[in-house]
PDB file of N, CA and C in Angstrom:
ATOM      1  N   MET A   1     -28.182   7.328 -13.425  1.00  0.00           N
ATOM      2  CA  MET A   1     -28.807   7.732 -14.669  1.00  0.00           C
ATOM      3  C   MET A   1     -28.778   6.550 -15.632  1.00  0.00           C
ATOM      4  N   LYS A   2     -29.862   6.315 -16.303  1.00  0.00           N
ATOM      5  CA  LYS A   2     -29.942   5.231 -17.271  1.00  0.00           C
ATOM      6  C   LYS A   2     -29.828   5.804 -18.676  1.00  0.00           C
ATOM      7  N   PHE A   3     -28.930   5.197 -19.459  1.00  0.00           N
ATOM      8  CA  PHE A   3     -28.724   5.634 -20.836  1.00  0.00           C
ATOM      9  C   PHE A   3     -29.428   4.716 -21.831  1.00  0.00           C
ATOM     10  N   GLY A   4     -29.900   3.573 -21.385  1.00  0.00           N
ATOM     11  CA  GLY A   4     -30.548   2.623 -22.282  1.00  0.00           C
ATOM     12  C   GLY A   4     -29.560   1.625 -22.844  1.00  0.00           C
ATOM     13  N   THR A   5     -29.947   0.996 -23.942  1.00  0.00           N
ATOM     14  CA  THR A   5     -29.114  -0.016 -24.570  1.00  0.00           C
ATOM     15  C   THR A   5     -28.039   0.666 -25.406  1.00  0.00           C
ATOM     16  N   GLY A   6     -26.820   0.121 -25.322  1.00  0.00           N
ATOM     17  CA  GLY A   6     -25.718   0.683 -26.078  1.00  0.00           C
ATOM     18  C   GLY A   6     -24.823  -0.412 -26.616  1.00  0.00           C
ATOM     19  N   THR A   7     -23.807   0.006 -27.360  1.00  0.00           N
ATOM     20  CA  THR A   7     -22.850  -0.917 -27.960  1.00  0.00           C
ATOM     21  C   THR A   7     -21.454  -0.546 -27.490  1.00  0.00           C
ATOM     22  N   ILE A   8     -20.703  -1.557 -27.053  1.00  0.00           N
ATOM     23  CA  ILE A   8     -19.313  -1.311 -26.645  1.00  0.00           C
ATOM     24  C   ILE A   8     -18.511  -1.021 -27.912  1.00  0.00           C
ATOM     25  N   THR A   9     -17.861   0.143 -27.939  1.00  0.00           N
ATOM     26  CA  THR A   9     -17.085   0.530 -29.118  1.00  0.00           C
ATOM     27  C   THR A   9     -15.588   0.458 -28.881  1.00  0.00           C
ATOM     28  N   ALA A  10     -15.159   0.515 -27.618  1.00  0.00           N
ATOM     29  CA  ALA A  10     -13.725   0.444 -27.321  1.00  0.00           C
ATOM     30  C   ALA A  10     -13.535  -0.005 -25.879  1.00  0.00           C
ATOM     31  N   GLN A  11     -12.371  -0.604 -25.649  1.00  0.00           N
ATOM     32  CA  GLN A  11     -12.023  -1.030 -24.295  1.00  0.00           C
ATOM     33  C   GLN A  11     -10.506  -1.081 -24.203  1.00  0.00           C
ATOM     34  N   ASP A  12      -9.980  -0.611 -23.074  1.00  0.00           N
ATOM     35  CA  ASP A  12      -8.560  -0.793 -22.782  1.00  0.00           C
ATOM     36  C   ASP A  12      -8.453  -1.322 -21.360  1.00  0.00           C
ATOM     37  N   SER A  13      -7.276  -1.280 -20.808  1.00  0.00           N
ATOM     38  CA  SER A  13      -7.069  -1.899 -19.492  1.00  0.00           C
ATOM     39  C   SER A  13      -7.817  -1.198 -18.361  1.00  0.00           C
ATOM     40  N   SER A  14      -8.222   0.071 -18.562  1.00  0.00           N
ATOM     41  CA  SER A  14      -8.870   0.785 -17.461  1.00  0.00           C
ATOM     42  C   SER A  14     -10.227   1.395 -17.808  1.00  0.00           C
ATOM     43  N   THR A  15     -10.616   1.427 -19.083  1.00  0.00           N
ATOM     44  CA  THR A  15     -11.909   2.021 -19.440  1.00  0.00           C
ATOM     45  C   THR A  15     -12.621   1.186 -20.506  1.00  0.00           C
ATOM     46  N   VAL A  16     -13.923   1.386 -20.582  1.00  0.00           N
ATOM     47  CA  VAL A  16     -14.742   0.802 -21.643  1.00  0.00           C
ATOM     48  C   VAL A  16     -15.632   1.937 -22.164  1.00  0.00           C
ATOM     49  N   THR A  17     -15.702   2.056 -23.489  1.00  0.00           N
ATOM     50  CA  THR A  17     -16.507   3.104 -24.111  1.00  0.00           C
ATOM     51  C   THR A  17     -17.758   2.466 -24.708  1.00  0.00           C
ATOM     52  N   VAL A  18     -18.904   3.055 -24.387  1.00  0.00           N
ATOM     53  CA  VAL A  18     -20.185   2.536 -24.867  1.00  0.00           C
ATOM     54  C   VAL A  18     -20.894   3.651 -25.639  1.00  0.00           C
ATOM     55  N   LYS A  19     -21.374   3.315 -26.835  1.00  0.00           N
ATOM     56  CA  LYS A  19     -22.135   4.273 -27.640  1.00  0.00           C
ATOM     57  C   LYS A  19     -23.623   4.002 -27.423  1.00  0.00           C
ATOM     58  N   PHE A  20     -24.320   5.049 -26.944  1.00  0.00           N
ATOM     59  CA  PHE A  20     -25.754   4.959 -26.699  1.00  0.00           C
ATOM     60  C   PHE A  20     -26.492   5.683 -27.819  1.00  0.00           C
ATOM     61  N   LEU A  21     -27.793   5.874 -27.663  1.00  0.00           N
ATOM     62  CA  LEU A  21     -28.575   6.617 -28.639  1.00  0.00           C
ATOM     63  C   LEU A  21     -28.000   8.027 -28.798  1.00  0.00           C
ATOM     64  N   LYS A  22     -28.386   8.690 -29.880  1.00  0.00           N
ATOM     65  CA  LYS A  22     -27.833  10.014 -30.196  1.00  0.00           C
ATOM     66  C   LYS A  22     -27.930  10.998 -29.043  1.00  0.00           C
ATOM     67  N   GLU A  23     -29.016  10.962 -28.316  1.00  0.00           N
ATOM     68  CA  GLU A  23     -29.205  11.945 -27.246  1.00  0.00           C
ATOM     69  C   GLU A  23     -28.175  11.798 -26.123  1.00  0.00           C
ATOM     70  N   TYR A  24     -27.608  10.612 -25.961  1.00  0.00           N
ATOM     71  CA  TYR A  24     -26.599  10.390 -24.919  1.00  0.00           C
ATOM     72  C   TYR A  24     -25.184  10.293 -25.488  1.00  0.00           C
ATOM     73  N   GLY A  25     -25.048   9.836 -26.697  1.00  0.00           N
ATOM     74  CA  GLY A  25     -23.733   9.734 -27.321  1.00  0.00           C
ATOM     75  C   GLY A  25     -22.882   8.642 -26.693  1.00  0.00           C
ATOM     76  N   SER A  26     -21.567   8.786 -26.815  1.00  0.00           N
ATOM     77  CA  SER A  26     -20.627   7.807 -26.248  1.00  0.00           C
ATOM     78  C   SER A  26     -20.259   8.197 -24.830  1.00  0.00           C
ATOM     79  N   LYS A  27     -20.156   7.206 -23.983  1.00  0.00           N
ATOM     80  CA  LYS A  27     -19.791   7.420 -22.583  1.00  0.00           C
ATOM     81  C   LYS A  27     -18.657   6.465 -22.224  1.00  0.00           C
ATOM     82  N   LYS A  28     -17.721   6.954 -21.406  1.00  0.00           N
ATOM     83  CA  LYS A  28     -16.629   6.110 -20.919  1.00  0.00           C
ATOM     84  C   LYS A  28     -16.921   5.693 -19.482  1.00  0.00           C
ATOM     85  N   PHE A  29     -16.611   4.449 -19.200  1.00  0.00           N
ATOM     86  CA  PHE A  29     -16.795   3.891 -17.863  1.00  0.00           C
ATOM     87  C   PHE A  29     -15.484   3.256 -17.414  1.00  0.00           C
ATOM     88  N   LEU A  30     -15.269   3.243 -16.109  1.00  0.00           N
ATOM     89  CA  LEU A  30     -14.081   2.571 -15.569  1.00  0.00           C
ATOM     90  C   LEU A  30     -14.253   1.065 -15.683  1.00  0.00           C
ATOM     91  N   TYR A  31     -13.210   0.428 -16.150  1.00  0.00           N
ATOM     92  CA  TYR A  31     -13.222  -1.032 -16.275  1.00  0.00           C
ATOM     93  C   TYR A  31     -12.378  -1.611 -15.164  1.00  0.00           C
ATOM     94  N   PRO A  32     -12.776  -2.617 -14.465  1.00  0.00           N
ATOM     95  CA  PRO A  32     -13.944  -3.462 -14.634  1.00  0.00           C
ATOM     96  C   PRO A  32     -15.129  -3.061 -13.765  1.00  0.00           C
ATOM     97  N   SER A  33     -14.970  -2.037 -12.928  1.00  0.00           N
ATOM     98  CA  SER A  33     -16.033  -1.706 -11.976  1.00  0.00           C
ATOM     99  C   SER A  33     -17.354  -1.336 -12.647  1.00  0.00           C
ATOM    100  N   ALA A  34     -17.321  -0.854 -13.877  1.00  0.00           N
ATOM    101  CA  ALA A  34     -18.566  -0.509 -14.576  1.00  0.00           C
ATOM    102  C   ALA A  34     -19.472  -1.718 -14.725  1.00  0.00           C
ATOM    103  N   PHE A  35     -18.873  -2.902 -14.910  1.00  0.00           N
ATOM    104  CA  PHE A  35     -19.686  -4.107 -15.081  1.00  0.00           C
ATOM    105  C   PHE A  35     -20.222  -4.620 -13.750  1.00  0.00           C
ATOM    106  N   ILE A  36     -19.682  -4.127 -12.674  1.00  0.00           N
ATOM    107  CA  ILE A  36     -20.197  -4.491 -11.353  1.00  0.00           C
ATOM    108  C   ILE A  36     -21.366  -3.585 -10.984  1.00  0.00           C
ATOM    109  N   PHE A  37     -21.236  -2.288 -11.275  1.00  0.00           N
ATOM    110  CA  PHE A  37     -22.211  -1.316 -10.786  1.00  0.00           C
ATOM    111  C   PHE A  37     -23.177  -0.761 -11.843  1.00  0.00           C
ATOM    112  N   PHE A  38     -22.753  -0.637 -13.108  1.00  0.00           N
ATOM    113  CA  PHE A  38     -23.572   0.099 -14.075  1.00  0.00           C
ATOM    114  C   PHE A  38     -23.998  -0.684 -15.308  1.00  0.00           C
ATOM    115  N   LEU A  39     -23.094  -1.461 -15.879  1.00  0.00           N
ATOM    116  CA  LEU A  39     -23.358  -2.071 -17.181  1.00  0.00           C
ATOM    117  C   LEU A  39     -23.747  -3.535 -17.055  1.00  0.00           C
ATOM    118  N   ASN A  40     -24.683  -3.945 -17.894  1.00  0.00           N
ATOM    119  CA  ASN A  40     -25.089  -5.348 -18.001  1.00  0.00           C
ATOM    120  C   ASN A  40     -24.899  -5.779 -19.448  1.00  0.00           C
ATOM    121  N   LEU A  41     -24.326  -6.940 -19.647  1.00  0.00           N
ATOM    122  CA  LEU A  41     -24.160  -7.467 -20.998  1.00  0.00           C
ATOM    123  C   LEU A  41     -25.403  -8.256 -21.377  1.00  0.00           C
ATOM    124  N   SER A  42     -25.903  -8.041 -22.576  1.00  0.00           N
ATOM    125  CA  SER A  42     -27.152  -8.704 -22.985  1.00  0.00           C
ATOM    126  C   SER A  42     -26.931 -10.129 -23.486  1.00  0.00           C
ATOM    127  N   ASN A  43     -25.738 -10.456 -23.942  1.00  0.00           N
ATOM    128  CA  ASN A  43     -25.432 -11.807 -24.426  1.00  0.00           C
ATOM    129  C   ASN A  43     -25.092 -12.690 -23.217  1.00  0.00           C
ATOM    130  N   PRO A  44     -25.893 -13.742 -22.940  1.00  0.00           N
ATOM    131  CA  PRO A  44     -25.665 -14.568 -21.749  1.00  0.00           C
ATOM    132  C   PRO A  44     -24.287 -15.228 -21.693  1.00  0.00           C
ATOM    133  N   SER A  45     -23.762 -15.703 -22.820  1.00  0.00           N
ATOM    134  CA  SER A  45     -22.451 -16.369 -22.774  1.00  0.00           C
ATOM    135  C   SER A  45     -21.341 -15.362 -22.491  1.00  0.00           C
ATOM    136  N   ILE A  46     -21.440 -14.162 -23.057  1.00  0.00           N
ATOM    137  CA  ILE A  46     -20.429 -13.128 -22.783  1.00  0.00           C
ATOM    138  C   ILE A  46     -20.585 -12.630 -21.345  1.00  0.00           C
ATOM    139  N   ASN A  47     -21.811 -12.541 -20.875  1.00  0.00           N
ATOM    140  CA  ASN A  47     -22.070 -12.129 -19.495  1.00  0.00           C
ATOM    141  C   ASN A  47     -21.431 -13.117 -18.515  1.00  0.00           C
ATOM    142  N   LYS A  48     -21.531 -14.414 -18.825  1.00  0.00           N
ATOM    143  CA  LYS A  48     -20.925 -15.450 -17.975  1.00  0.00           C
ATOM    144  C   LYS A  48     -19.407 -15.294 -17.964  1.00  0.00           C
ATOM    145  N   ARG A  49     -18.820 -15.075 -19.142  1.00  0.00           N
ATOM    146  CA  ARG A  49     -17.359 -14.879 -19.214  1.00  0.00           C
ATOM    147  C   ARG A  49     -16.936 -13.645 -18.429  1.00  0.00           C
ATOM    148  N   MET A  50     -17.723 -12.582 -18.525  1.00  0.00           N
ATOM    149  CA  MET A  50     -17.407 -11.359 -17.785  1.00  0.00           C
ATOM    150  C   MET A  50     -17.494 -11.606 -16.288  1.00  0.00           C
ATOM    151  N   SER A  51     -18.487 -12.345 -15.841  1.00  0.00           N
ATOM    152  CA  SER A  51     -18.613 -12.675 -14.420  1.00  0.00           C
ATOM    153  C   SER A  51     -17.387 -13.436 -13.931  1.00  0.00           C
ATOM    154  N   ASN A  52     -16.939 -14.395 -14.726  1.00  0.00           N
ATOM    155  CA  ASN A  52     -15.737 -15.152 -14.359  1.00  0.00           C
ATOM    156  C   ASN A  52     -14.505 -14.257 -14.313  1.00  0.00           C
ATOM    157  N   GLU A  53     -14.407 -13.350 -15.280  1.00  0.00           N
ATOM    158  CA  GLU A  53     -13.265 -12.432 -15.303  1.00  0.00           C
ATOM    159  C   GLU A  53     -13.293 -11.498 -14.094  1.00  0.00           C
ATOM    160  N   LEU A  54     -14.476 -11.017 -13.737  1.00  0.00           N
ATOM    161  CA  LEU A  54     -14.603 -10.141 -12.565  1.00  0.00           C
ATOM    162  C   LEU A  54     -14.223 -10.867 -11.285  1.00  0.00           C
ATOM    163  N   LYS A  55     -14.604 -12.139 -11.174  1.00  0.00           N
ATOM    164  CA  LYS A  55     -14.231 -12.931  -9.998  1.00  0.00           C
ATOM    165  C   LYS A  55     -12.724 -13.102  -9.926  1.00  0.00           C
ATOM    166  N   LEU A  56     -12.096 -13.359 -11.072  1.00  0.00           N
ATOM    167  CA  LEU A  56     -10.650 -13.504 -11.118  1.00  0.00           C
ATOM    168  C   LEU A  56      -9.952 -12.200 -10.724  1.00  0.00           C
ATOM    169  N   ILE A  57     -10.431 -11.084 -11.245  1.00  0.00           N
ATOM    170  CA  ILE A  57      -9.857  -9.780 -10.905  1.00  0.00           C
ATOM    171  C   ILE A  57     -10.000  -9.513  -9.410  1.00  0.00           C
ATOM    172  N   GLN A  58     -11.157  -9.833  -8.859  1.00  0.00           N
ATOM    173  CA  GLN A  58     -11.380  -9.620  -7.431  1.00  0.00           C
ATOM    174  C   GLN A  58     -10.451 -10.505  -6.604  1.00  0.00           C
ATOM    175  N   THR A  59     -10.273 -11.759  -7.009  1.00  0.00           N
ATOM    176  CA  THR A  59      -9.386 -12.675  -6.296  1.00  0.00           C
ATOM    177  C   THR A  59      -7.947 -12.175  -6.333  1.00  0.00           C
ATOM    178  N   LEU A  60      -7.507 -11.716  -7.498  1.00  0.00           N
ATOM    179  CA  LEU A  60      -6.150 -11.193  -7.622  1.00  0.00           C
ATOM    180  C   LEU A  60      -5.952  -9.945  -6.772  1.00  0.00           C
ATOM    181  N   ALA A  61      -6.955  -9.076  -6.739  1.00  0.00           N
ATOM    182  CA  ALA A  61      -6.870  -7.860  -5.924  1.00  0.00           C
ATOM    183  C   ALA A  61      -6.801  -8.204  -4.441  1.00  0.00           C
ATOM    184  N   GLU A  62      -7.599  -9.177  -4.000  1.00  0.00           N
ATOM    185  CA  GLU A  62      -7.570  -9.603  -2.598  1.00  0.00           C
ATOM    186  C   GLU A  62      -6.231 -10.229  -2.233  1.00  0.00           C
ATOM    187  N   THR A  63      -5.683 -11.033  -3.138  1.00  0.00           N
ATOM    188  CA  THR A  63      -4.384 -11.651  -2.899  1.00  0.00           C
ATOM    189  C   THR A  63      -3.299 -10.589  -2.781  1.00  0.00           C
ATOM    190  N   ALA A  64      -3.322  -9.614  -3.677  1.00  0.00           N
ATOM    191  CA  ALA A  64      -2.340  -8.531  -3.628  1.00  0.00           C
ATOM    192  C   ALA A  64      -2.477  -7.743  -2.335  1.00  0.00           C
ATOM    193  N   ARG A  65      -3.704  -7.488  -1.924  1.00  0.00           N
ATOM    194  CA  ARG A  65      -3.948  -6.748  -0.674  1.00  0.00           C
ATOM    195  C   ARG A  65      -3.432  -7.536   0.532  1.00  0.00           C
ATOM    196  N   ASN A  66      -3.715  -8.829   0.555  1.00  0.00           N
ATOM    197  CA  ASN A  66      -3.249  -9.668   1.661  1.00  0.00           C
ATOM    198  C   ASN A  66      -1.730  -9.726   1.701  1.00  0.00           C
ATOM    199  N   ASN A  67      -1.088  -9.800   0.539  1.00  0.00           N
ATOM    200  CA  ASN A  67       0.377  -9.807   0.486  1.00  0.00           C
ATOM    201  C   ASN A  67       0.948  -8.489   1.009  1.00  0.00           C
ATOM    202  N   ARG A  68       0.311  -7.374   0.623  1.00  0.00           N
ATOM    203  CA  ARG A  68       0.763  -6.069   1.102  1.00  0.00           C
ATOM    204  C   ARG A  68       0.639  -5.973   2.620  1.00  0.00           C
ATOM    205  N   LEU A  69      -0.502  -6.443   3.146  1.00  0.00           N
ATOM    206  CA  LEU A  69      -0.706  -6.398   4.599  1.00  0.00           C
ATOM    207  C   LEU A  69       0.304  -7.274   5.322  1.00  0.00           C
ATOM    208  N   ALA A  70       0.607  -8.451   4.776  1.00  0.00           N
ATOM    209  CA  ALA A  70       1.580  -9.346   5.387  1.00  0.00           C
ATOM    210  C   ALA A  70       2.961  -8.701   5.403  1.00  0.00           C
ATOM    211  N   GLU A  71       3.337  -8.032   4.315  1.00  0.00           N
ATOM    212  CA  GLU A  71       4.630  -7.341   4.257  1.00  0.00           C
ATOM    213  C   GLU A  71       4.691  -6.202   5.261  1.00  0.00           C
ATOM    214  N   GLU A  72       3.595  -5.448   5.384  1.00  0.00           N
ATOM    215  CA  GLU A  72       3.554  -4.345   6.351  1.00  0.00           C
ATOM    216  C   GLU A  72       3.674  -4.875   7.773  1.00  0.00           C
ATOM    217  N   ASN A  73       2.969  -5.971   8.074  1.00  0.00           N
ATOM    218  CA  ASN A  73       3.052  -6.564   9.412  1.00  0.00           C
ATOM    219  C   ASN A  73       4.459  -7.064   9.696  1.00  0.00           C
ATOM    220  N   LYS A  74       5.072  -7.683   8.714  1.00  0.00           N
ATOM    221  CA  LYS A  74       6.438  -8.187   8.875  1.00  0.00           C
ATOM    222  C   LYS A  74       7.405  -7.033   9.145  1.00  0.00           C
ATOM    223  N   ARG A  75       7.275  -5.958   8.372  1.00  0.00           N
ATOM    224  CA  ARG A  75       8.138  -4.791   8.547  1.00  0.00           C
ATOM    225  C   ARG A  75       7.944  -4.169   9.928  1.00  0.00           C
ATOM    226  N   THR A  76       6.690  -4.087  10.368  1.00  0.00           N
ATOM    227  CA  THR A  76       6.396  -3.521  11.684  1.00  0.00           C
ATOM    228  C   THR A  76       7.014  -4.366  12.787  1.00  0.00           C
ATOM    229  N   LEU A  77       6.896  -5.688  12.692  1.00  0.00           N
ATOM    230  CA  LEU A  77       7.487  -6.567  13.704  1.00  0.00           C
ATOM    231  C   LEU A  77       9.001  -6.432  13.730  1.00  0.00           C
ATOM    232  N   LEU A  78       9.635  -6.347  12.565  1.00  0.00           N
ATOM    233  CA  LEU A  78      11.087  -6.182  12.515  1.00  0.00           C
ATOM    234  C   LEU A  78      11.512  -4.852  13.126  1.00  0.00           C
ATOM    235  N   GLU A  79      10.743  -3.795  12.858  1.00  0.00           N
ATOM    236  CA  GLU A  79      11.058  -2.493  13.441  1.00  0.00           C
ATOM    237  C   GLU A  79      10.900  -2.521  14.958  1.00  0.00           C
ATOM    238  N   GLN A  80       9.846  -3.188  15.446  1.00  0.00           N
ATOM    239  CA  GLN A  80       9.644  -3.284  16.894  1.00  0.00           C
ATOM    240  C   GLN A  80      10.761  -4.093  17.539  1.00  0.00           C
ATOM    241  N   LYS A  81      11.166  -5.177  16.883  1.00  0.00           N
ATOM    242  CA  LYS A  81      12.238  -6.013  17.408  1.00  0.00           C
ATOM    243  C   LYS A  81      13.549  -5.239  17.453  1.00  0.00           C
ATOM    244  N   ALA A  82      13.844  -4.487  16.411  1.00  0.00           N
ATOM    245  CA  ALA A  82      15.069  -3.690  16.365  1.00  0.00           C
ATOM    246  C   ALA A  82      15.042  -2.605  17.432  1.00  0.00           C
ATOM    247  N   ALA A  83      13.883  -2.003  17.644  1.00  0.00           N
ATOM    248  CA  ALA A  83      13.766  -0.945  18.654  1.00  0.00           C
ATOM    249  C   ALA A  83      13.957  -1.508  20.055  1.00  0.00           C
ATOM    250  N   SER A  84      13.489  -2.722  20.288  1.00  0.00           N
ATOM    251  CA  SER A  84      13.632  -3.304  21.630  1.00  0.00           C
ATOM    252  C   SER A  84      15.061  -3.737  21.908  1.00  0.00           C
ATOM    253  N   LYS A  85      15.840  -3.978  20.859  1.00  0.00           N
ATOM    254  CA  LYS A  85      17.227  -4.390  21.047  1.00  0.00           C
ATOM    255  C   LYS A  85      18.175  -3.216  21.245  1.00  0.00           C
ATOM    256  N   LYS A  86      17.723  -2.013  20.967  1.00  0.00           N
ATOM    257  CA  LYS A  86      18.589  -0.848  21.125  1.00  0.00           C
ATOM    258  C   LYS A  86      18.949  -0.700  22.597  1.00  0.00           C
ATOM    259  N   LYS A  87      20.221  -0.399  22.835  1.00  0.00           N
ATOM    260  CA  LYS A  87      20.682  -0.229  24.216  1.00  0.00           C
ATOM    261  C   LYS A  87      20.187   1.098  24.762  1.00  0.00           C
ATOM    262  N   ALA A  88      20.001   1.106  26.057  1.00  0.00           N
ATOM    263  CA  ALA A  88      19.626   2.345  26.714  1.00  0.00           C
ATOM    264  C   ALA A  88      20.821   3.280  26.660  1.00  0.00           C
ATOM    265  N   PRO A  89      20.593   4.574  26.599  1.00  0.00           N
ATOM    266  CA  PRO A  89      21.722   5.491  26.545  1.00  0.00           C
ATOM    267  C   PRO A  89      22.595   5.339  27.782  1.00  0.00           C
ATOM    268  N   ALA A  90      23.898   5.446  27.583  1.00  0.00           N
ATOM    269  CA  ALA A  90      24.852   5.286  28.689  1.00  0.00           C
ATOM    270  C   ALA A  90      24.701   6.441  29.671  1.00  0.00           C
ATOM    271  N   LYS A  91      24.879   6.130  30.945  1.00  0.00           N
ATOM    272  CA  LYS A  91      24.802   7.166  31.962  1.00  0.00           C
ATOM    273  C   LYS A  91      26.091   7.963  31.930  1.00  0.00           C
ATOM    274  N   LYS A  92      25.964   9.245  32.199  1.00  0.00           N
ATOM    275  CA  LYS A  92      27.161  10.081  32.231  1.00  0.00           C
ATOM    276  C   LYS A  92      27.947   9.726  33.483  1.00  0.00           C
ATOM    277  N   ARG A  93      29.223   9.580  33.273  1.00  0.00           N
ATOM    278  CA  ARG A  93      30.096   9.261  34.410  1.00  0.00           C
ATOM    279  C   ARG A  93      30.643  10.546  35.011  1.00  0.00           C
ATOM    280  N   LEU A  94      30.744  10.509  36.308  1.00  0.00           N
ATOM    281  CA  LEU A  94      31.339  11.646  36.997  1.00  0.00           C
ATOM    282  C   LEU A  94      32.855  11.569  36.836  1.00  0.00           C
ATOM    283  N   PRO A  95      33.522  12.707  36.786  1.00  0.00           N
ATOM    284  CA  PRO A  95      34.986  12.658  36.660  1.00  0.00           C
ATOM    285  C   PRO A  95      35.583  11.958  37.873  1.00  0.00           C
ATOM    286  N   LYS A  96      36.605  11.176  37.600  1.00  0.00           N
ATOM    287  CA  LYS A  96      37.262  10.451  38.700  1.00  0.00           C
ATOM    288  C   LYS A  96      38.039  11.428  39.562  1.00  0.00           C
ATOM    289  N   LYS A  97      38.031  11.120  40.822  1.00  0.00           N
ATOM    290  CA  LYS A  97      38.820  11.944  41.733  1.00  0.00           C
ATOM    291  C   LYS A  97      40.276  11.547  41.542  1.00  0.00           C
ATOM    292  N   SER A  98      41.105  12.535  41.509  1.00  0.00           N
ATOM    293  CA  SER A  98      42.518  12.217  41.308  1.00  0.00           C
ATOM    294  C   SER A  98      43.116  11.667  42.601  1.00  0.00           C
ATOM    295  N   SER A  99      44.048  10.810  42.421  1.00  0.00           N
ATOM    296  CA  SER A  99      44.678  10.194  43.599  1.00  0.00           C
ATOM    297  C   SER A  99      45.647  11.178  44.234  1.00  0.00           C
ATOM    298  N   PRO A 100      45.999  10.996  45.519  1.00  0.00           N
ATOM    299  CA  PRO A 100      46.912  11.928  46.211  1.00  0.00           C
ATOM    300  C   PRO A 100      48.294  11.938  45.557  1.00  0.00           C
ATOM    301  N   GLU A 101      48.735  10.809  44.989  1.00  0.00           N
ATOM    302  CA  GLU A 101      50.057  10.772  44.375  1.00  0.00           C
ATOM    303  C   GLU A 101      50.113  11.729  43.190  1.00  0.00           C
ATOM    304  N   LYS A 102      49.059  11.733  42.387  1.00  0.00           N
ATOM    305  CA  LYS A 102      49.038  12.626  41.242  1.00  0.00           C
ATOM    306  C   LYS A 102      48.996  14.070  41.676  1.00  0.00           C
ATOM    307  N   GLU A 103      48.230  14.349  42.714  1.00  0.00           N
ATOM    308  CA  GLU A 103      48.168  15.718  43.224  1.00  0.00           C
ATOM    309  C   GLU A 103      49.549  16.159  43.686  1.00  0.00           C
ATOM    310  N   ALA A 104      50.258  15.286  44.338  1.00  0.00           N
ATOM    311  CA  ALA A 104      51.588  15.619  44.819  1.00  0.00           C
ATOM    312  C   ALA A 104      52.527  15.835  43.641  1.00  0.00           C
ATOM    313  N   THR A 105      52.403  14.998  42.639  1.00  0.00           N
ATOM    314  CA  THR A 105      53.257  15.133  41.474  1.00  0.00           C
ATOM    315  C   THR A 105      52.971  16.456  40.785  1.00  0.00           C
ATOM    316  N   VAL A 106      51.737  16.796  40.663  1.00  0.00           N
ATOM    317  CA  VAL A 106      51.380  18.048  40.040  1.00  0.00           C
ATOM    318  C   VAL A 106      51.919  19.201  40.851  1.00  0.00           C
ATOM    319  N   ALA A 107      51.836  19.095  42.159  1.00  0.00           N
ATOM    320  CA  ALA A 107      52.307  20.168  43.020  1.00  0.00           C
ATOM    321  C   ALA A 107      53.827  20.333  42.886  1.00  0.00           C
ATOM    322  N   ILE A 108      54.544  19.243  42.751  1.00  0.00           N
ATOM    323  CA  ILE A 108      55.994  19.311  42.635  1.00  0.00           C
ATOM    324  C   ILE A 108      56.394  19.954  41.304  1.00  0.00           C
ATOM    325  N   ILE A 109      55.682  19.627  40.263  1.00  0.00           N
ATOM    326  CA  ILE A 109      56.022  20.172  38.968  1.00  0.00           C
ATOM    327  C   ILE A 109      55.718  21.669  38.932  1.00  0.00           C
ATOM    328  N   ALA A 110      54.710  22.080  39.597  1.00  0.00           N
ATOM    329  CA  ALA A 110      54.319  23.475  39.590  1.00  0.00           C
ATOM    330  C   ALA A 110      55.304  24.355  40.314  1.00  0.00           C
ATOM    331  N   VAL A 111      56.105  23.869  41.210  1.00  0.00           N
ATOM    332  CA  VAL A 111      57.003  24.682  42.037  1.00  0.00           C
ATOM    333  C   VAL A 111      58.163  25.196  41.273  1.00  0.00           C
TER     334      VAL A 111
END
């Protein structure tokens, strides 16, 4: 939907508010994505600065994403390494057969 020409009346870290003609009133847009998809700045020098800022934001987002992926890969490798080092469960041992001397001793005590 096109609202026409408007004036930016407010901006914070996540939104930008633009006042359009009376029939549309003020509208809030997500910042900075609104300048990528919906809004165009009419002042060429401000438009250039916004383009540079958007490139910087995109670069920072990509760097953060790459760092997150690297940390996840590192954690996964450490978990796989730890899992491969775990010992196999010990086999159950059968009870030892008692020696004849012990059987004889037990028999003598029982008498």
